[in-house]
């Protein structure tokens, strides 16, 4: 059984036992998470969400992604150069049950 859920402004295609990386959620490792914004289950489509449907998961890890470098500069002006790094925080979740 597959489902499409919405969290953190993004949509994810999930199935039972799948592991996903979502935008950081304010939960601890080992906690249960319930996603109520279910857009689709198999071929049943909601408008915009399916009523009384939910997806349950368990938090495996809180972490940060790989570091990316952001380099800003002004063309033909050697005094305006700036390098900046960023690591995006994430939450790793294993989907345990799809209700609906």
PDB file of N, CA and C in Angstrom:
ATOM      1  N   UNK A   1       0.844  -1.172   0.000  1.00  0.00           N
ATOM      2  CA  UNK A   1       0.000   0.000   0.000  1.00  0.00           C
ATOM      3  C   UNK A   1       0.893   1.240   0.000  1.00  0.00           C
ATOM      4  N   UNK A   2       0.652   2.145  -0.912  1.00  0.00           N
ATOM      5  CA  UNK A   2       1.411   3.389  -1.036  1.00  0.00           C
ATOM      6  C   UNK A   2       0.541   4.567  -0.635  1.00  0.00           C
ATOM      7  N   UNK A   3       1.195   5.626  -0.197  1.00  0.00           N
ATOM      8  CA  UNK A   3       0.483   6.843   0.160  1.00  0.00           C
ATOM      9  C   UNK A   3       1.371   8.043  -0.158  1.00  0.00           C
ATOM     10  N   UNK A   4       0.723   9.195  -0.383  1.00  0.00           N
ATOM     11  CA  UNK A   4       1.440  10.443  -0.570  1.00  0.00           C
ATOM     12  C   UNK A   4       1.069  11.335   0.608  1.00  0.00           C
ATOM     13  N   UNK A   5       2.107  11.773   1.360  1.00  0.00           N
ATOM     14  CA  UNK A   5       1.878  12.627   2.519  1.00  0.00           C
ATOM     15  C   UNK A   5       2.544  13.985   2.284  1.00  0.00           C
ATOM     16  N   UNK A   6       2.090  14.970   3.053  1.00  0.00           N
ATOM     17  CA  UNK A   6       2.657  16.311   2.957  1.00  0.00           C
ATOM     18  C   UNK A   6       3.193  16.699   4.327  1.00  0.00           C
ATOM     19  N   UNK A   7       4.473  17.092   4.363  1.00  0.00           N
ATOM     20  CA  UNK A   7       5.080  17.587   5.593  1.00  0.00           C
ATOM     21  C   UNK A   7       6.234  18.507   5.237  1.00  0.00           C
ATOM     22  N   UNK A   8       6.381  19.576   5.973  1.00  0.00           N
ATOM     23  CA  UNK A   8       7.458  20.523   5.735  1.00  0.00           C
ATOM     24  C   UNK A   8       7.380  21.206   4.390  1.00  0.00           C
ATOM     25  N   UNK A   9       6.176  21.334   3.827  1.00  0.00           N
ATOM     26  CA  UNK A   9       6.013  21.995   2.541  1.00  0.00           C
ATOM     27  C   UNK A   9       6.359  21.125   1.355  1.00  0.00           C
ATOM     28  N   UNK A  10       6.625  19.848   1.591  1.00  0.00           N
ATOM     29  CA  UNK A  10       6.978  18.927   0.512  1.00  0.00           C
ATOM     30  C   UNK A  10       6.058  17.716   0.556  1.00  0.00           C
ATOM     31  N   UNK A  11       5.988  17.010  -0.560  1.00  0.00           N
ATOM     32  CA  UNK A  11       5.181  15.795  -0.652  1.00  0.00           C
ATOM     33  C   UNK A  11       6.100  14.593  -0.804  1.00  0.00           C
ATOM     34  N   UNK A  12       5.747  13.490  -0.122  1.00  0.00           N
ATOM     35  CA  UNK A  12       6.564  12.282  -0.127  1.00  0.00           C
ATOM     36  C   UNK A  12       5.695  11.080  -0.472  1.00  0.00           C
ATOM     37  N   UNK A  13       6.192  10.226  -1.366  1.00  0.00           N
ATOM     38  CA  UNK A  13       5.548   8.959  -1.677  1.00  0.00           C
ATOM     39  C   UNK A  13       6.129   7.923  -0.723  1.00  0.00           C
ATOM     40  N   UNK A  14       5.288   7.321   0.127  1.00  0.00           N
ATOM     41  CA  UNK A  14       5.754   6.391   1.142  1.00  0.00           C
ATOM     42  C   UNK A  14       4.993   5.077   1.043  1.00  0.00           C
ATOM     43  N   UNK A  15       5.600   4.037   1.571  1.00  0.00           N
ATOM     44  CA  UNK A  15       4.950   2.745   1.750  1.00  0.00           C
ATOM     45  C   UNK A  15       5.393   2.220   3.101  1.00  0.00           C
ATOM     46  N   UNK A  16       4.749   1.162   3.581  1.00  0.00           N
ATOM     47  CA  UNK A  16       5.118   0.611   4.877  1.00  0.00           C
ATOM     48  C   UNK A  16       6.543   0.073   4.825  1.00  0.00           C
ATOM     49  N   UNK A  17       7.276   0.258   5.908  1.00  0.00           N
ATOM     50  CA  UNK A  17       8.681  -0.140   6.067  1.00  0.00           C
ATOM     51  C   UNK A  17       9.647   0.751   5.293  1.00  0.00           C
ATOM     52  N   UNK A  18       9.184   1.828   4.651  1.00  0.00           N
ATOM     53  CA  UNK A  18      10.100   2.716   3.933  1.00  0.00           C
ATOM     54  C   UNK A  18      10.693   3.734   4.906  1.00  0.00           C
ATOM     55  N   UNK A  19      11.872   4.230   4.564  1.00  0.00           N
ATOM     56  CA  UNK A  19      12.580   5.214   5.382  1.00  0.00           C
ATOM     57  C   UNK A  19      12.680   6.503   4.572  1.00  0.00           C
ATOM     58  N   UNK A  20      12.265   7.628   5.177  1.00  0.00           N
ATOM     59  CA  UNK A  20      12.295   8.914   4.489  1.00  0.00           C
ATOM     60  C   UNK A  20      13.054   9.937   5.338  1.00  0.00           C
ATOM     61  N   UNK A  21      13.593  10.946   4.659  1.00  0.00           N
ATOM     62  CA  UNK A  21      14.254  12.074   5.303  1.00  0.00           C
ATOM     63  C   UNK A  21      13.383  13.296   5.075  1.00  0.00           C
ATOM     64  N   UNK A  22      12.866  13.894   6.159  1.00  0.00           N
ATOM     65  CA  UNK A  22      11.981  15.054   6.057  1.00  0.00           C
ATOM     66  C   UNK A  22      12.639  16.254   6.729  1.00  0.00           C
ATOM     67  N   UNK A  23      12.051  17.431   6.509  1.00  0.00           N
ATOM     68  CA  UNK A  23      12.523  18.629   7.203  1.00  0.00           C
ATOM     69  C   UNK A  23      12.435  18.383   8.710  1.00  0.00           C
ATOM     70  N   UNK A  24      13.319  19.015   9.464  1.00  0.00           N
ATOM     71  CA  UNK A  24      13.434  18.751  10.897  1.00  0.00           C
ATOM     72  C   UNK A  24      12.109  18.950  11.626  1.00  0.00           C
ATOM     73  N   UNK A  25      11.727  17.928  12.402  1.00  0.00           N
ATOM     74  CA  UNK A  25      10.538  17.974  13.245  1.00  0.00           C
ATOM     75  C   UNK A  25      10.984  18.055  14.700  1.00  0.00           C
ATOM     76  N   UNK A  26      10.173  18.676  15.539  1.00  0.00           N
ATOM     77  CA  UNK A  26      10.517  18.851  16.950  1.00  0.00           C
ATOM     78  C   UNK A  26      10.046  17.638  17.753  1.00  0.00           C
ATOM     79  N   UNK A  27      10.709  16.503  17.551  1.00  0.00           N
ATOM     80  CA  UNK A  27      10.426  15.262  18.276  1.00  0.00           C
ATOM     81  C   UNK A  27      11.753  14.605  18.644  1.00  0.00           C
ATOM     82  N   UNK A  28      11.702  13.679  19.590  1.00  0.00           N
ATOM     83  CA  UNK A  28      12.899  12.965  20.020  1.00  0.00           C
ATOM     84  C   UNK A  28      13.040  11.648  19.275  1.00  0.00           C
ATOM     85  N   UNK A  29      14.245  11.093  19.287  1.00  0.00           N
ATOM     86  CA  UNK A  29      14.483   9.801  18.650  1.00  0.00           C
ATOM     87  C   UNK A  29      13.682   8.723  19.374  1.00  0.00           C
ATOM     88  N   UNK A  30      13.056   7.838  18.607  1.00  0.00           N
ATOM     89  CA  UNK A  30      12.242   6.766  19.166  1.00  0.00           C
ATOM     90  C   UNK A  30      10.779   7.124  19.338  1.00  0.00           C
ATOM     91  N   UNK A  31      10.422   8.395  19.184  1.00  0.00           N
ATOM     92  CA  UNK A  31       9.024   8.813  19.318  1.00  0.00           C
ATOM     93  C   UNK A  31       8.211   8.410  18.096  1.00  0.00           C
ATOM     94  N   UNK A  32       6.903   8.329  18.286  1.00  0.00           N
ATOM     95  CA  UNK A  32       5.975   8.052  17.191  1.00  0.00           C
ATOM     96  C   UNK A  32       5.515   9.383  16.593  1.00  0.00           C
ATOM     97  N   UNK A  33       5.346   9.379  15.266  1.00  0.00           N
ATOM     98  CA  UNK A  33       4.897  10.566  14.539  1.00  0.00           C
ATOM     99  C   UNK A  33       3.683  10.169  13.713  1.00  0.00           C
ATOM    100  N   UNK A  34       2.660  11.036  13.685  1.00  0.00           N
ATOM    101  CA  UNK A  34       1.459  10.782  12.893  1.00  0.00           C
ATOM    102  C   UNK A  34       1.314  11.920  11.879  1.00  0.00           C
ATOM    103  N   UNK A  35       1.211  11.556  10.605  1.00  0.00           N
ATOM    104  CA  UNK A  35       0.996  12.524   9.532  1.00  0.00           C
ATOM    105  C   UNK A  35      -0.475  12.465   9.142  1.00  0.00           C
ATOM    106  N   UNK A  36      -1.205  13.588   9.348  1.00  0.00           N
ATOM    107  CA  UNK A  36      -2.636  13.641   9.049  1.00  0.00           C
ATOM    108  C   UNK A  36      -2.919  14.168   7.649  1.00  0.00           C
ATOM    109  N   UNK A  37      -1.961  14.844   7.045  1.00  0.00           N
ATOM    110  CA  UNK A  37      -2.164  15.413   5.716  1.00  0.00           C
ATOM    111  C   UNK A  37      -1.819  14.362   4.661  1.00  0.00           C
ATOM    112  N   UNK A  38      -2.780  13.477   4.379  1.00  0.00           N
ATOM    113  CA  UNK A  38      -2.600  12.410   3.395  1.00  0.00           C
ATOM    114  C   UNK A  38      -3.302  12.834   2.113  1.00  0.00           C
ATOM    115  N   UNK A  39      -2.554  12.942   1.021  1.00  0.00           N
ATOM    116  CA  UNK A  39      -3.106  13.407  -0.248  1.00  0.00           C
ATOM    117  C   UNK A  39      -3.668  12.258  -1.082  1.00  0.00           C
ATOM    118  N   UNK A  40      -3.058  11.059  -0.958  1.00  0.00           N
ATOM    119  CA  UNK A  40      -3.480   9.941  -1.796  1.00  0.00           C
ATOM    120  C   UNK A  40      -3.094   8.629  -1.119  1.00  0.00           C
ATOM    121  N   UNK A  41      -3.971   7.641  -1.206  1.00  0.00           N
ATOM    122  CA  UNK A  41      -3.662   6.273  -0.795  1.00  0.00           C
ATOM    123  C   UNK A  41      -3.983   5.383  -1.977  1.00  0.00           C
ATOM    124  N   UNK A  42      -2.959   4.652  -2.471  1.00  0.00           N
ATOM    125  CA  UNK A  42      -3.039   3.864  -3.701  1.00  0.00           C
ATOM    126  C   UNK A  42      -3.632   4.724  -4.815  1.00  0.00           C
ATOM    127  N   UNK A  43      -4.871   4.497  -5.234  1.00  0.00           N
ATOM    128  CA  UNK A  43      -5.439   5.324  -6.300  1.00  0.00           C
ATOM    129  C   UNK A  43      -6.568   6.219  -5.793  1.00  0.00           C
ATOM    130  N   UNK A  44      -6.848   6.191  -4.487  1.00  0.00           N
ATOM    131  CA  UNK A  44      -7.897   7.027  -3.908  1.00  0.00           C
ATOM    132  C   UNK A  44      -7.329   8.421  -3.634  1.00  0.00           C
ATOM    133  N   UNK A  45      -7.857   9.430  -4.313  1.00  0.00           N
ATOM    134  CA  UNK A  45      -7.349  10.789  -4.236  1.00  0.00           C
ATOM    135  C   UNK A  45      -8.298  11.640  -3.411  1.00  0.00           C
ATOM    136  N   UNK A  46      -7.732  12.487  -2.545  1.00  0.00           N
ATOM    137  CA  UNK A  46      -8.534  13.387  -1.731  1.00  0.00           C
ATOM    138  C   UNK A  46      -8.660  14.747  -2.373  1.00  0.00           C
ATOM    139  N   UNK A  47      -9.497  15.585  -1.759  1.00  0.00           N
ATOM    140  CA  UNK A  47      -9.704  16.927  -2.288  1.00  0.00           C
ATOM    141  C   UNK A  47      -9.678  17.933  -1.148  1.00  0.00           C
ATOM    142  N   UNK A  48      -8.609  18.509  -0.693  1.00  0.00           N
ATOM    143  CA  UNK A  48      -7.228  18.188  -1.037  1.00  0.00           C
ATOM    144  C   UNK A  48      -6.673  17.013  -0.241  1.00  0.00           C
ATOM    145  N   UNK A  49      -7.245  16.729   0.959  1.00  0.00           N
ATOM    146  CA  UNK A  49      -6.758  15.622   1.780  1.00  0.00           C
ATOM    147  C   UNK A  49      -7.827  14.555   1.913  1.00  0.00           C
ATOM    148  N   UNK A  50      -7.397  13.331   2.202  1.00  0.00           N
ATOM    149  CA  UNK A  50      -8.333  12.234   2.439  1.00  0.00           C
ATOM    150  C   UNK A  50      -8.790  12.313   3.894  1.00  0.00           C
ATOM    151  N   UNK A  51     -10.097  12.300   4.111  1.00  0.00           N
ATOM    152  CA  UNK A  51     -10.638  12.402   5.459  1.00  0.00           C
ATOM    153  C   UNK A  51     -10.383  11.098   6.233  1.00  0.00           C
ATOM    154  N   UNK A  52     -10.076  11.230   7.500  1.00  0.00           N
ATOM    155  CA  UNK A  52      -9.862  10.109   8.421  1.00  0.00           C
ATOM    156  C   UNK A  52      -8.734   9.178   7.982  1.00  0.00           C
ATOM    157  N   UNK A  53      -7.746   9.699   7.278  1.00  0.00           N
ATOM    158  CA  UNK A  53      -6.580   8.909   6.873  1.00  0.00           C
ATOM    159  C   UNK A  53      -5.351   9.456   7.584  1.00  0.00           C
ATOM    160  N   UNK A  54      -4.441   8.559   7.926  1.00  0.00           N
ATOM    161  CA  UNK A  54      -3.210   8.987   8.579  1.00  0.00           C
ATOM    162  C   UNK A  54      -2.098   7.994   8.268  1.00  0.00           C
ATOM    163  N   UNK A  55      -0.878   8.461   8.448  1.00  0.00           N
ATOM    164  CA  UNK A  55       0.299   7.630   8.258  1.00  0.00           C
ATOM    165  C   UNK A  55       1.122   7.743   9.534  1.00  0.00           C
ATOM    166  N   UNK A  56       1.504   6.600  10.096  1.00  0.00           N
ATOM    167  CA  UNK A  56       2.267   6.578  11.337  1.00  0.00           C
ATOM    168  C   UNK A  56       3.712   6.188  11.056  1.00  0.00           C
ATOM    169  N   UNK A  57       4.612   6.749  11.850  1.00  0.00           N
ATOM    170  CA  UNK A  57       6.027   6.449  11.682  1.00  0.00           C
ATOM    171  C   UNK A  57       6.774   6.562  12.995  1.00  0.00           C
ATOM    172  N   UNK A  58       8.024   6.084  12.982  1.00  0.00           N
ATOM    173  CA  UNK A  58       8.898   6.145  14.139  1.00  0.00           C
ATOM    174  C   UNK A  58      10.148   6.940  13.769  1.00  0.00           C
ATOM    175  N   UNK A  59      10.556   7.841  14.653  1.00  0.00           N
ATOM    176  CA  UNK A  59      11.738   8.659  14.406  1.00  0.00           C
ATOM    177  C   UNK A  59      12.977   7.817  14.678  1.00  0.00           C
ATOM    178  N   UNK A  60      13.834   7.683  13.669  1.00  0.00           N
ATOM    179  CA  UNK A  60      15.067   6.927  13.813  1.00  0.00           C
ATOM    180  C   UNK A  60      16.236   7.816  14.218  1.00  0.00           C
ATOM    181  N   UNK A  61      16.296   9.040  13.676  1.00  0.00           N
ATOM    182  CA  UNK A  61      17.474   9.867  13.886  1.00  0.00           C
ATOM    183  C   UNK A  61      17.169  11.327  13.600  1.00  0.00           C
ATOM    184  N   UNK A  62      17.816  12.215  14.340  1.00  0.00           N
ATOM    185  CA  UNK A  62      17.850  13.645  14.044  1.00  0.00           C
ATOM    186  C   UNK A  62      19.275  13.951  13.600  1.00  0.00           C
ATOM    187  N   UNK A  63      19.447  14.640  12.507  1.00  0.00           N
ATOM    188  CA  UNK A  63      20.805  14.890  12.040  1.00  0.00           C
ATOM    189  C   UNK A  63      20.895  16.094  11.125  1.00  0.00           C
ATOM    190  N   UNK A  64      22.093  16.261  10.543  1.00  0.00           N
ATOM    191  CA  UNK A  64      22.345  17.324   9.592  1.00  0.00           C
ATOM    192  C   UNK A  64      22.888  16.720   8.306  1.00  0.00           C
ATOM    193  N   UNK A  65      22.538  17.317   7.180  1.00  0.00           N
ATOM    194  CA  UNK A  65      22.991  16.853   5.878  1.00  0.00           C
ATOM    195  C   UNK A  65      24.440  17.229   5.622  1.00  0.00           C
ATOM    196  N   UNK A  66      24.920  16.869   4.433  1.00  0.00           N
ATOM    197  CA  UNK A  66      26.280  17.215   4.042  1.00  0.00           C
ATOM    198  C   UNK A  66      26.401  18.720   3.878  1.00  0.00           C
ATOM    199  N   UNK A  67      27.602  19.228   4.108  1.00  0.00           N
ATOM    200  CA  UNK A  67      27.834  20.658   4.019  1.00  0.00           C
ATOM    201  C   UNK A  67      27.905  21.089   2.555  1.00  0.00           C
ATOM    202  N   UNK A  68      27.218  22.182   2.256  1.00  0.00           N
ATOM    203  CA  UNK A  68      27.312  22.785   0.928  1.00  0.00           C
ATOM    204  C   UNK A  68      27.999  24.133   1.071  1.00  0.00           C
ATOM    205  N   UNK A  69      28.665  24.553   0.026  1.00  0.00           N
ATOM    206  CA  UNK A  69      29.350  25.842   0.006  1.00  0.00           C
ATOM    207  C   UNK A  69      28.544  26.812  -0.852  1.00  0.00           C
ATOM    208  N   UNK A  70      28.344  27.999  -0.324  1.00  0.00           N
ATOM    209  CA  UNK A  70      27.658  29.065  -1.045  1.00  0.00           C
ATOM    210  C   UNK A  70      28.699  30.154  -1.274  1.00  0.00           C
ATOM    211  N   UNK A  71      28.935  30.491  -2.536  1.00  0.00           N
ATOM    212  CA  UNK A  71      29.938  31.500  -2.880  1.00  0.00           C
ATOM    213  C   UNK A  71      29.251  32.653  -3.579  1.00  0.00           C
ATOM    214  N   UNK A  72      29.336  33.844  -2.971  1.00  0.00           N
ATOM    215  CA  UNK A  72      28.719  35.037  -3.538  1.00  0.00           C
ATOM    216  C   UNK A  72      29.816  36.013  -3.935  1.00  0.00           C
ATOM    217  N   UNK A  73      29.614  36.670  -5.070  1.00  0.00           N
ATOM    218  CA  UNK A  73      30.579  37.673  -5.494  1.00  0.00           C
ATOM    219  C   UNK A  73      29.914  38.650  -6.447  1.00  0.00           C
ATOM    220  N   UNK A  74      30.563  39.811  -6.599  1.00  0.00           N
ATOM    221  CA  UNK A  74      30.127  40.799  -7.577  1.00  0.00           C
ATOM    222  C   UNK A  74      31.113  40.764  -8.731  1.00  0.00           C
ATOM    223  N   UNK A  75      30.570  40.680  -9.907  1.00  0.00           N
ATOM    224  CA  UNK A  75      31.397  40.559 -11.100  1.00  0.00           C
ATOM    225  C   UNK A  75      32.294  41.787 -11.274  1.00  0.00           C
ATOM    226  N   UNK A  76      33.540  41.538 -11.608  1.00  0.00           N
ATOM    227  CA  UNK A  76      34.538  42.584 -11.898  1.00  0.00           C
ATOM    228  C   UNK A  76      34.858  43.466 -10.692  1.00  0.00           C
ATOM    229  N   UNK A  77      34.550  42.998  -9.478  1.00  0.00           N
ATOM    230  CA  UNK A  77      34.859  43.751  -8.271  1.00  0.00           C
ATOM    231  C   UNK A  77      35.470  42.776  -7.267  1.00  0.00           C
ATOM    232  N   UNK A  78      36.756  42.812  -7.109  1.00  0.00           N
ATOM    233  CA  UNK A  78      37.455  41.804  -6.306  1.00  0.00           C
ATOM    234  C   UNK A  78      37.245  41.971  -4.803  1.00  0.00           C
ATOM    235  N   UNK A  79      36.657  43.077  -4.371  1.00  0.00           N
ATOM    236  CA  UNK A  79      36.486  43.296  -2.936  1.00  0.00           C
ATOM    237  C   UNK A  79      35.196  42.667  -2.390  1.00  0.00           C
ATOM    238  N   UNK A  80      34.281  42.243  -3.244  1.00  0.00           N
ATOM    239  CA  UNK A  80      33.020  41.656  -2.802  1.00  0.00           C
ATOM    240  C   UNK A  80      33.013  40.159  -3.091  1.00  0.00           C
ATOM    241  N   UNK A  81      33.647  39.375  -2.237  1.00  0.00           N
ATOM    242  CA  UNK A  81      33.631  37.919  -2.358  1.00  0.00           C
ATOM    243  C   UNK A  81      33.342  37.339  -0.982  1.00  0.00           C
ATOM    244  N   UNK A  82      32.442  36.354  -0.937  1.00  0.00           N
ATOM    245  CA  UNK A  82      32.035  35.803   0.349  1.00  0.00           C
ATOM    246  C   UNK A  82      31.749  34.316   0.191  1.00  0.00           C
ATOM    247  N   UNK A  83      32.331  33.505   1.062  1.00  0.00           N
ATOM    248  CA  UNK A  83      32.067  32.073   1.074  1.00  0.00           C
ATOM    249  C   UNK A  83      31.318  31.742   2.350  1.00  0.00           C
ATOM    250  N   UNK A  84      30.269  30.926   2.215  1.00  0.00           N
ATOM    251  CA  UNK A  84      29.432  30.584   3.351  1.00  0.00           C
ATOM    252  C   UNK A  84      29.089  29.107   3.261  1.00  0.00           C
ATOM    253  N   UNK A  85      28.975  28.427   4.391  1.00  0.00           N
ATOM    254  CA  UNK A  85      28.605  27.018   4.409  1.00  0.00           C
ATOM    255  C   UNK A  85      27.247  26.827   5.059  1.00  0.00           C
ATOM    256  N   UNK A  86      26.586  25.703   4.719  1.00  0.00           N
ATOM    257  CA  UNK A  86      25.271  25.419   5.281  1.00  0.00           C
ATOM    258  C   UNK A  86      25.070  23.914   5.388  1.00  0.00           C
ATOM    259  N   UNK A  87      24.504  23.473   6.511  1.00  0.00           N
ATOM    260  CA  UNK A  87      24.126  22.072   6.698  1.00  0.00           C
ATOM    261  C   UNK A  87      22.647  22.029   7.072  1.00  0.00           C
ATOM    262  N   UNK A  88      21.830  21.414   6.225  1.00  0.00           N
ATOM    263  CA  UNK A  88      20.388  21.388   6.432  1.00  0.00           C
ATOM    264  C   UNK A  88      20.020  20.320   7.461  1.00  0.00           C
ATOM    265  N   UNK A  89      19.294  20.672   8.531  1.00  0.00           N
ATOM    266  CA  UNK A  89      18.873  19.661   9.502  1.00  0.00           C
ATOM    267  C   UNK A  89      17.729  18.809   8.936  1.00  0.00           C
ATOM    268  N   UNK A  90      17.694  17.531   9.345  1.00  0.00           N
ATOM    269  CA  UNK A  90      16.661  16.615   8.868  1.00  0.00           C
ATOM    270  C   UNK A  90      16.225  15.672   9.986  1.00  0.00           C
ATOM    271  N   UNK A  91      15.113  14.988   9.760  1.00  0.00           N
ATOM    272  CA  UNK A  91      14.620  13.946  10.640  1.00  0.00           C
ATOM    273  C   UNK A  91      14.437  12.688   9.800  1.00  0.00           C
ATOM    274  N   UNK A  92      15.024  11.584  10.239  1.00  0.00           N
ATOM    275  CA  UNK A  92      14.926  10.309   9.531  1.00  0.00           C
ATOM    276  C   UNK A  92      13.791   9.505  10.162  1.00  0.00           C
ATOM    277  N   UNK A  93      12.807   9.108   9.334  1.00  0.00           N
ATOM    278  CA  UNK A  93      11.596   8.455   9.830  1.00  0.00           C
ATOM    279  C   UNK A  93      11.363   7.150   9.092  1.00  0.00           C
ATOM    280  N   UNK A  94      10.996   6.106   9.842  1.00  0.00           N
ATOM    281  CA  UNK A  94      10.575   4.842   9.222  1.00  0.00           C
ATOM    282  C   UNK A  94       9.054   4.767   9.306  1.00  0.00           C
ATOM    283  N   UNK A  95       8.403   4.543   8.185  1.00  0.00           N
ATOM    284  CA  UNK A  95       6.934   4.454   8.126  1.00  0.00           C
ATOM    285  C   UNK A  95       6.518   3.071   8.639  1.00  0.00           C
ATOM    286  N   UNK A  96       5.615   3.061   9.637  1.00  0.00           N
ATOM    287  CA  UNK A  96       5.207   1.786  10.222  1.00  0.00           C
ATOM    288  C   UNK A  96       3.806   1.357   9.806  1.00  0.00           C
ATOM    289  N   UNK A  97       2.890   2.315   9.606  1.00  0.00           N
ATOM    290  CA  UNK A  97       1.505   1.935   9.327  1.00  0.00           C
ATOM    291  C   UNK A  97       0.813   3.009   8.509  1.00  0.00           C
ATOM    292  N   UNK A  98      -0.012   2.568   7.545  1.00  0.00           N
ATOM    293  CA  UNK A  98      -0.830   3.480   6.738  1.00  0.00           C
ATOM    294  C   UNK A  98      -2.290   3.168   7.032  1.00  0.00           C
ATOM    295  N   UNK A  99      -3.007   4.136   7.608  1.00  0.00           N
ATOM    296  CA  UNK A  99      -4.425   3.975   7.956  1.00  0.00           C
ATOM    297  C   UNK A  99      -5.279   4.729   6.957  1.00  0.00           C
ATOM    298  N   UNK A 100      -6.300   4.070   6.462  1.00  0.00           N
ATOM    299  CA  UNK A 100      -7.191   4.797   5.560  1.00  0.00           C
ATOM    300  C   UNK A 100      -7.800   3.912   4.628  1.00  0.00           C
TER     301      UNK A 100
END
